[in-house]
Amino acid sequence: MHALADLYVHRSTAGRGDVALLKAYLRRGLRVTGMRMQVFSLRVLHHAPRRWRLLVTDRLARAVAVSAAGSILLPRDGAATRVVGLVRGADGRWRVTTVRAARR
């Protein structure tokens, strides 16, 4: 959970949502593994030395829910297009600042 939370800036709404989803699985006795993002397209909307804004179309693929009873492949997400903001922290790592649905 810490590794996922570390992908986002402190107090990121998107980060809190992702962590809350994984905690909900844990409360049901499941651990989610193998999550991969499948990126279909990416376009740079804006960039500066420490900030980027990207238009990304992707989906979550290959996630598995694991319990003491075994494992089950979770359904793939449908593709979604989002605007993703990134910032480079003082430690040199890039983190997600915002994720919002792209306007159609």
N, C-alpha and C. Protein backbone atom coordinates (compact mmCIF):
# COMPACT_ATOMS: atom_id res chain seq x y z
N MET A 1 0.82 -1.18 0.00
CA MET A 1 0.00 0.00 0.00
C MET A 1 0.87 1.26 0.00
N HIS A 2 1.97 1.19 0.73
CA HIS A 2 2.87 2.35 0.80
C HIS A 2 3.44 2.69 -0.58
N ALA A 3 3.80 1.65 -1.34
CA ALA A 3 4.36 1.89 -2.68
C ALA A 3 3.35 2.60 -3.58
N LEU A 4 2.08 2.20 -3.49
CA LEU A 4 1.06 2.87 -4.29
C LEU A 4 0.88 4.31 -3.83
N ALA A 5 0.78 4.52 -2.54
CA ALA A 5 0.60 5.88 -2.01
C ALA A 5 1.77 6.77 -2.40
N ASP A 6 2.97 6.21 -2.52
CA ASP A 6 4.17 6.99 -2.85
C ASP A 6 4.19 7.44 -4.31
N LEU A 7 3.29 6.91 -5.13
CA LEU A 7 3.20 7.35 -6.53
C LEU A 7 2.54 8.73 -6.65
N TYR A 8 1.87 9.15 -5.59
CA TYR A 8 1.09 10.39 -5.61
C TYR A 8 1.69 11.41 -4.65
N VAL A 9 1.42 12.70 -4.92
CA VAL A 9 1.80 13.73 -3.96
C VAL A 9 0.95 13.55 -2.70
N HIS A 10 1.43 14.07 -1.59
CA HIS A 10 0.70 14.00 -0.32
C HIS A 10 -0.68 14.62 -0.46
N ARG A 11 -1.68 13.94 0.03
CA ARG A 11 -3.09 14.40 0.02
C ARG A 11 -3.73 14.42 -1.37
N SER A 12 -3.18 13.68 -2.30
CA SER A 12 -3.76 13.60 -3.64
C SER A 12 -5.11 12.88 -3.58
N THR A 13 -6.13 13.46 -4.17
CA THR A 13 -7.45 12.83 -4.22
C THR A 13 -7.39 11.50 -4.96
N ALA A 14 -6.70 11.47 -6.08
CA ALA A 14 -6.58 10.23 -6.86
C ALA A 14 -5.86 9.16 -6.05
N GLY A 15 -4.81 9.54 -5.36
CA GLY A 15 -4.07 8.59 -4.54
C GLY A 15 -4.92 8.03 -3.41
N ARG A 16 -5.67 8.89 -2.75
CA ARG A 16 -6.54 8.42 -1.66
C ARG A 16 -7.58 7.43 -2.20
N GLY A 17 -8.11 7.71 -3.39
CA GLY A 17 -9.10 6.81 -3.97
C GLY A 17 -8.52 5.44 -4.29
N ASP A 18 -7.34 5.41 -4.87
CA ASP A 18 -6.70 4.13 -5.21
C ASP A 18 -6.36 3.33 -3.96
N VAL A 19 -5.82 4.00 -2.94
CA VAL A 19 -5.48 3.31 -1.69
C VAL A 19 -6.75 2.79 -1.02
N ALA A 20 -7.82 3.58 -1.02
CA ALA A 20 -9.09 3.16 -0.40
C ALA A 20 -9.63 1.91 -1.10
N LEU A 21 -9.51 1.86 -2.42
CA LEU A 21 -9.98 0.68 -3.16
C LEU A 21 -9.22 -0.57 -2.74
N LEU A 22 -7.91 -0.48 -2.63
CA LEU A 22 -7.11 -1.65 -2.23
C LEU A 22 -7.39 -2.03 -0.78
N LYS A 23 -7.61 -1.05 0.09
CA LYS A 23 -7.96 -1.35 1.48
C LYS A 23 -9.29 -2.08 1.57
N ALA A 24 -10.24 -1.74 0.69
CA ALA A 24 -11.53 -2.43 0.67
C ALA A 24 -11.35 -3.91 0.34
N TYR A 25 -10.46 -4.21 -0.60
CA TYR A 25 -10.15 -5.61 -0.90
C TYR A 25 -9.54 -6.29 0.33
N LEU A 26 -8.61 -5.61 1.02
CA LEU A 26 -7.99 -6.19 2.21
C LEU A 26 -9.00 -6.50 3.29
N ARG A 27 -9.98 -5.62 3.48
CA ARG A 27 -11.02 -5.86 4.48
C ARG A 27 -11.82 -7.12 4.16
N ARG A 28 -11.89 -7.49 2.90
CA ARG A 28 -12.59 -8.72 2.50
C ARG A 28 -11.65 -9.93 2.48
N GLY A 29 -10.43 -9.74 2.96
CA GLY A 29 -9.48 -10.85 3.01
C GLY A 29 -8.76 -11.12 1.70
N LEU A 30 -8.73 -10.13 0.82
CA LEU A 30 -8.10 -10.28 -0.49
C LEU A 30 -6.93 -9.32 -0.64
N ARG A 31 -5.91 -9.78 -1.34
CA ARG A 31 -4.77 -8.94 -1.67
C ARG A 31 -4.69 -8.88 -3.19
N VAL A 32 -4.60 -7.67 -3.74
CA VAL A 32 -4.54 -7.52 -5.19
C VAL A 32 -3.08 -7.47 -5.63
N THR A 33 -2.75 -8.30 -6.61
CA THR A 33 -1.38 -8.37 -7.12
C THR A 33 -1.39 -8.26 -8.64
N GLY A 34 -0.22 -8.04 -9.20
CA GLY A 34 -0.03 -8.09 -10.64
C GLY A 34 -0.67 -6.98 -11.43
N MET A 35 -1.04 -5.88 -10.78
CA MET A 35 -1.69 -4.80 -11.51
C MET A 35 -0.73 -4.17 -12.50
N ARG A 36 -1.21 -3.99 -13.72
CA ARG A 36 -0.43 -3.36 -14.78
C ARG A 36 -1.33 -2.40 -15.52
N MET A 37 -0.80 -1.28 -15.91
CA MET A 37 -1.54 -0.35 -16.74
C MET A 37 -1.15 -0.60 -18.20
N GLN A 38 -2.14 -0.74 -19.03
CA GLN A 38 -1.93 -0.91 -20.47
C GLN A 38 -2.21 0.46 -21.10
N VAL A 39 -1.18 1.10 -21.62
CA VAL A 39 -1.30 2.44 -22.20
C VAL A 39 -1.53 2.32 -23.70
N PHE A 40 -2.62 2.94 -24.16
CA PHE A 40 -2.96 2.94 -25.58
C PHE A 40 -2.44 4.19 -26.28
N SER A 41 -2.49 5.32 -25.58
CA SER A 41 -1.95 6.55 -26.17
C SER A 41 -1.56 7.51 -25.07
N LEU A 42 -0.61 8.39 -25.41
CA LEU A 42 -0.12 9.39 -24.47
C LEU A 42 0.28 10.61 -25.28
N ARG A 43 -0.18 11.77 -24.83
CA ARG A 43 0.19 13.02 -25.51
C ARG A 43 0.56 14.04 -24.44
N VAL A 44 1.67 14.74 -24.65
CA VAL A 44 2.10 15.79 -23.74
C VAL A 44 1.26 17.04 -24.03
N LEU A 45 0.55 17.52 -23.01
CA LEU A 45 -0.23 18.74 -23.14
C LEU A 45 0.57 19.97 -22.73
N HIS A 46 1.44 19.78 -21.73
CA HIS A 46 2.27 20.88 -21.23
C HIS A 46 3.45 20.29 -20.48
N HIS A 47 4.60 20.94 -20.59
CA HIS A 47 5.73 20.48 -19.77
C HIS A 47 6.59 21.67 -19.38
N ALA A 48 7.17 21.52 -18.22
CA ALA A 48 8.13 22.47 -17.66
C ALA A 48 9.16 21.61 -16.94
N PRO A 49 10.25 22.19 -16.47
CA PRO A 49 11.30 21.36 -15.85
C PRO A 49 10.80 20.45 -14.72
N ARG A 50 9.84 20.91 -13.92
CA ARG A 50 9.39 20.11 -12.78
C ARG A 50 7.91 19.72 -12.84
N ARG A 51 7.24 20.01 -13.94
CA ARG A 51 5.80 19.71 -14.08
C ARG A 51 5.48 19.25 -15.50
N TRP A 52 4.61 18.26 -15.56
CA TRP A 52 4.10 17.78 -16.84
C TRP A 52 2.60 17.59 -16.71
N ARG A 53 1.89 17.81 -17.82
CA ARG A 53 0.46 17.47 -17.91
C ARG A 53 0.30 16.62 -19.16
N LEU A 54 -0.27 15.43 -18.97
CA LEU A 54 -0.36 14.44 -20.04
C LEU A 54 -1.81 14.05 -20.31
N LEU A 55 -2.12 13.74 -21.55
CA LEU A 55 -3.40 13.15 -21.92
C LEU A 55 -3.12 11.67 -22.16
N VAL A 56 -3.73 10.81 -21.34
CA VAL A 56 -3.41 9.39 -21.36
C VAL A 56 -4.68 8.57 -21.56
N THR A 57 -4.63 7.63 -22.50
CA THR A 57 -5.70 6.64 -22.64
C THR A 57 -5.10 5.30 -22.23
N ASP A 58 -5.70 4.70 -21.18
CA ASP A 58 -5.16 3.45 -20.65
C ASP A 58 -6.26 2.64 -20.00
N ARG A 59 -5.86 1.49 -19.49
CA ARG A 59 -6.78 0.66 -18.70
C ARG A 59 -5.95 -0.21 -17.76
N LEU A 60 -6.60 -0.63 -16.69
CA LEU A 60 -5.98 -1.56 -15.75
C LEU A 60 -6.14 -2.96 -16.31
N ALA A 61 -5.05 -3.70 -16.35
CA ALA A 61 -5.08 -5.06 -16.90
C ALA A 61 -4.31 -6.00 -15.98
N ARG A 62 -4.68 -7.24 -16.00
CA ARG A 62 -3.96 -8.34 -15.34
C ARG A 62 -3.93 -8.28 -13.82
N ALA A 63 -4.88 -7.68 -13.16
CA ALA A 63 -4.91 -7.69 -11.70
C ALA A 63 -5.49 -9.01 -11.21
N VAL A 64 -4.94 -9.51 -10.10
CA VAL A 64 -5.38 -10.77 -9.52
C VAL A 64 -5.71 -10.54 -8.05
N ALA A 65 -6.86 -11.05 -7.59
CA ALA A 65 -7.23 -11.00 -6.18
C ALA A 65 -6.83 -12.34 -5.56
N VAL A 66 -6.02 -12.28 -4.50
CA VAL A 66 -5.48 -13.49 -3.87
C VAL A 66 -6.02 -13.59 -2.45
N SER A 67 -6.46 -14.80 -2.08
CA SER A 67 -6.90 -15.07 -0.71
C SER A 67 -6.33 -16.42 -0.29
N ALA A 68 -6.60 -16.84 0.94
CA ALA A 68 -6.14 -18.14 1.41
C ALA A 68 -6.76 -19.27 0.58
N ALA A 69 -7.94 -19.01 0.01
CA ALA A 69 -8.65 -20.03 -0.77
C ALA A 69 -8.15 -20.13 -2.21
N GLY A 70 -7.37 -19.18 -2.66
CA GLY A 70 -6.87 -19.22 -4.03
C GLY A 70 -6.85 -17.83 -4.64
N SER A 71 -6.86 -17.77 -5.96
CA SER A 71 -6.78 -16.48 -6.63
C SER A 71 -7.77 -16.44 -7.79
N ILE A 72 -8.12 -15.22 -8.15
CA ILE A 72 -9.05 -15.01 -9.26
C ILE A 72 -8.59 -13.80 -10.06
N LEU A 73 -8.59 -13.93 -11.37
CA LEU A 73 -8.23 -12.83 -12.26
C LEU A 73 -9.37 -11.82 -12.24
N LEU A 74 -9.06 -10.58 -11.92
CA LEU A 74 -10.09 -9.54 -11.89
C LEU A 74 -10.38 -9.06 -13.31
N PRO A 75 -11.61 -8.61 -13.56
CA PRO A 75 -11.94 -8.13 -14.91
C PRO A 75 -11.08 -6.93 -15.29
N ARG A 76 -10.77 -6.83 -16.56
CA ARG A 76 -10.03 -5.67 -17.06
C ARG A 76 -10.96 -4.46 -17.07
N ASP A 77 -10.38 -3.31 -16.82
CA ASP A 77 -11.11 -2.06 -16.98
C ASP A 77 -11.32 -1.80 -18.46
N GLY A 78 -12.30 -0.98 -18.77
CA GLY A 78 -12.41 -0.45 -20.12
C GLY A 78 -11.41 0.69 -20.26
N ALA A 79 -11.02 0.99 -21.46
CA ALA A 79 -10.08 2.09 -21.69
C ALA A 79 -10.72 3.41 -21.28
N ALA A 80 -9.94 4.28 -20.67
CA ALA A 80 -10.41 5.60 -20.26
C ALA A 80 -9.35 6.62 -20.62
N THR A 81 -9.79 7.83 -20.94
CA THR A 81 -8.86 8.91 -21.26
C THR A 81 -8.91 9.93 -20.14
N ARG A 82 -7.73 10.25 -19.62
CA ARG A 82 -7.61 11.15 -18.47
C ARG A 82 -6.49 12.15 -18.70
N VAL A 83 -6.60 13.27 -18.00
CA VAL A 83 -5.51 14.23 -17.95
C VAL A 83 -4.78 13.98 -16.63
N VAL A 84 -3.48 13.71 -16.72
CA VAL A 84 -2.68 13.37 -15.55
C VAL A 84 -1.62 14.45 -15.34
N GLY A 85 -1.57 14.99 -14.13
CA GLY A 85 -0.55 15.96 -13.78
C GLY A 85 0.56 15.29 -12.99
N LEU A 86 1.80 15.63 -13.31
CA LEU A 86 2.97 15.09 -12.61
C LEU A 86 3.83 16.24 -12.11
N VAL A 87 4.48 16.03 -10.98
CA VAL A 87 5.43 17.01 -10.46
C VAL A 87 6.67 16.25 -9.97
N ARG A 88 7.81 16.89 -10.16
CA ARG A 88 9.07 16.29 -9.68
C ARG A 88 9.36 16.84 -8.29
N GLY A 89 9.45 15.95 -7.32
CA GLY A 89 9.68 16.34 -5.94
C GLY A 89 11.14 16.68 -5.66
N ALA A 90 11.37 17.20 -4.47
CA ALA A 90 12.73 17.56 -4.04
C ALA A 90 13.65 16.33 -4.03
N ASP A 91 13.06 15.13 -3.90
CA ASP A 91 13.86 13.90 -3.91
C ASP A 91 14.16 13.42 -5.32
N GLY A 92 13.68 14.17 -6.35
CA GLY A 92 13.94 13.82 -7.73
C GLY A 92 12.93 12.86 -8.34
N ARG A 93 11.98 12.37 -7.54
CA ARG A 93 10.99 11.41 -8.04
C ARG A 93 9.78 12.13 -8.60
N TRP A 94 9.23 11.58 -9.68
CA TRP A 94 8.00 12.10 -10.26
C TRP A 94 6.81 11.50 -9.55
N ARG A 95 5.83 12.34 -9.22
CA ARG A 95 4.62 11.88 -8.55
C ARG A 95 3.39 12.49 -9.22
N VAL A 96 2.29 11.77 -9.12
CA VAL A 96 1.03 12.21 -9.69
C VAL A 96 0.41 13.27 -8.78
N THR A 97 0.03 14.39 -9.38
CA THR A 97 -0.64 15.45 -8.62
C THR A 97 -2.14 15.39 -8.81
N THR A 98 -2.58 15.17 -10.04
CA THR A 98 -4.01 15.14 -10.35
C THR A 98 -4.30 14.12 -11.43
N VAL A 99 -5.50 13.59 -11.37
CA VAL A 99 -6.03 12.72 -12.43
C VAL A 99 -7.48 13.13 -12.60
N ARG A 100 -7.84 13.51 -13.81
CA ARG A 100 -9.24 13.87 -14.05
C ARG A 100 -9.64 13.36 -15.43
N ALA A 101 -10.92 13.12 -15.57
CA ALA A 101 -11.44 12.66 -16.87
C ALA A 101 -11.19 13.73 -17.91
N ALA A 102 -10.81 13.31 -19.10
CA ALA A 102 -10.58 14.25 -20.19
C ALA A 102 -11.94 14.72 -20.72
N ARG A 103 -12.00 15.97 -21.10
CA ARG A 103 -13.22 16.49 -21.72
C ARG A 103 -13.37 15.91 -23.11
N ARG A 104 -14.55 15.63 -23.46
CA ARG A 104 -14.81 15.05 -24.80
C ARG A 104 -15.12 16.12 -25.79
